[in-house]
Amino acid sequence: MTERSVRFDMGDYRWVPHRESVGFIGTTEHGAVEFLITADAITELLNPELDGIDPDTALEAFIEFEADIHRIAQREFVKRLGGEPPILITSADVVS
């Protein structure tokens, strides 16, 4: 089996207030990579009809969709060829 370029541990996340995002870490063969998913992107996963969500709801939704978020983060990491951390996942990345 081929090893993925970035791996994630479930339950490793935090609210990043100045970015209005949930931060989480991926691990590559070269070390840790920081990811951020915006509250707007989490809202898109939870219910696209909502205008926004508060930090507590964003964290709860992150937990609910964590496997999906990790899959999106993996895709974006590969698509961006790693990129400059933190890798920001926005609502545009969620709907694509």
Protein backbone atom coordinates (compact mmCIF):
# COMPACT_ATOMS: atom_id res chain seq x y z
CA MET A 1 0.00 0.00 0.00
CA THR A 2 1.25 3.49 -0.83
CA GLU A 3 1.72 5.81 2.13
CA ARG A 4 -0.13 9.11 2.01
CA SER A 5 1.94 12.27 1.87
CA VAL A 6 0.33 13.66 5.04
CA ARG A 7 -1.26 11.86 7.99
CA PHE A 8 -3.63 13.19 10.64
CA ASP A 9 -4.45 12.16 14.19
CA MET A 10 -8.11 12.37 15.14
CA GLY A 11 -8.92 14.76 17.97
CA ASP A 12 -5.94 17.07 17.44
CA TYR A 13 -7.49 20.49 16.80
CA ARG A 14 -7.93 23.95 18.35
CA TRP A 15 -9.81 27.18 17.71
CA VAL A 16 -7.61 29.95 16.24
CA PRO A 17 -9.48 33.17 17.08
CA HIS A 18 -7.46 35.66 15.04
CA ARG A 19 -8.04 33.53 11.91
CA GLU A 20 -11.64 32.50 12.75
CA SER A 21 -10.54 28.96 11.94
CA VAL A 22 -9.92 25.57 13.44
CA GLY A 23 -6.26 24.61 13.37
CA PHE A 24 -4.98 21.08 13.13
CA ILE A 25 -1.67 19.39 12.36
CA GLY A 26 -0.70 16.91 9.68
CA THR A 27 2.48 14.88 9.76
CA THR A 28 4.68 14.28 6.71
CA GLU A 29 7.96 12.47 6.33
CA HIS A 30 9.57 15.91 6.71
CA GLY A 31 7.72 16.88 9.89
CA ALA A 32 4.56 18.63 11.01
CA VAL A 33 2.43 20.84 8.75
CA GLU A 34 -0.15 23.27 10.10
CA PHE A 35 -3.61 23.43 8.54
CA LEU A 36 -6.46 25.86 9.12
CA ILE A 37 -10.07 25.39 8.06
CA THR A 38 -12.17 28.53 8.20
CA ALA A 39 -15.41 28.72 10.13
CA ASP A 40 -17.09 29.52 6.79
CA ALA A 41 -15.79 26.25 5.31
CA ILE A 42 -17.04 24.32 8.34
CA THR A 43 -20.40 26.08 7.96
CA GLU A 44 -20.49 24.86 4.36
CA LEU A 45 -20.05 21.28 5.58
CA LEU A 46 -22.59 21.66 8.38
CA ASN A 47 -25.34 23.56 6.56
CA PRO A 48 -24.67 25.80 3.54
CA GLU A 49 -27.88 27.73 4.33
CA LEU A 50 -26.40 29.17 7.56
CA ASP A 51 -24.86 32.64 7.53
CA GLY A 52 -22.11 31.61 9.94
CA ILE A 53 -21.33 29.78 13.16
CA ASP A 54 -19.77 30.61 16.51
CA PRO A 55 -16.47 29.06 17.68
CA ASP A 56 -18.13 26.40 19.87
CA THR A 57 -20.34 25.24 17.01
CA ALA A 58 -17.34 25.27 14.66
CA LEU A 59 -15.43 22.97 17.01
CA GLU A 60 -18.42 20.64 17.40
CA ALA A 61 -18.86 20.51 13.62
CA PHE A 62 -15.12 19.92 13.17
CA ILE A 63 -15.44 16.83 15.36
CA GLU A 64 -18.47 15.65 13.39
CA PHE A 65 -16.76 16.11 10.01
CA GLU A 66 -13.16 15.48 11.06
CA ALA A 67 -12.62 12.51 8.72
CA ASP A 68 -14.01 14.51 5.78
CA ILE A 69 -11.90 17.54 6.72
CA HIS A 70 -8.78 15.39 6.85
CA ARG A 71 -9.62 14.01 3.39
CA ILE A 72 -10.07 17.56 2.03
CA ALA A 73 -6.81 18.65 3.71
CA GLN A 74 -4.99 15.68 2.15
CA ARG A 75 -6.34 16.63 -1.28
CA GLU A 76 -5.40 20.29 -0.86
CA PHE A 77 -1.93 19.41 0.42
CA VAL A 78 -1.26 17.29 -2.67
CA LYS A 79 -2.86 19.84 -5.03
CA ARG A 80 -0.77 22.68 -3.58
CA LEU A 81 2.39 20.56 -3.53
CA GLY A 82 2.75 21.18 0.16
CA GLY A 83 2.66 24.96 -0.03
CA GLU A 84 3.63 27.42 2.65
CA PRO A 85 2.06 26.55 6.03
CA PRO A 86 -0.42 27.06 7.38
CA ILE A 87 -2.43 25.54 4.58
CA LEU A 88 -5.75 27.39 4.63
CA ILE A 89 -8.88 25.46 3.68
CA THR A 90 -11.75 27.73 2.68
CA SER A 91 -15.36 27.13 1.63
CA ALA A 92 -14.21 27.03 -2.01
CA ASP A 93 -12.05 24.00 -1.17
CA VAL A 94 -14.94 22.28 0.60
CA VAL A 95 -17.42 22.58 -2.29
CA SER A 96 -14.96 21.47 -4.98
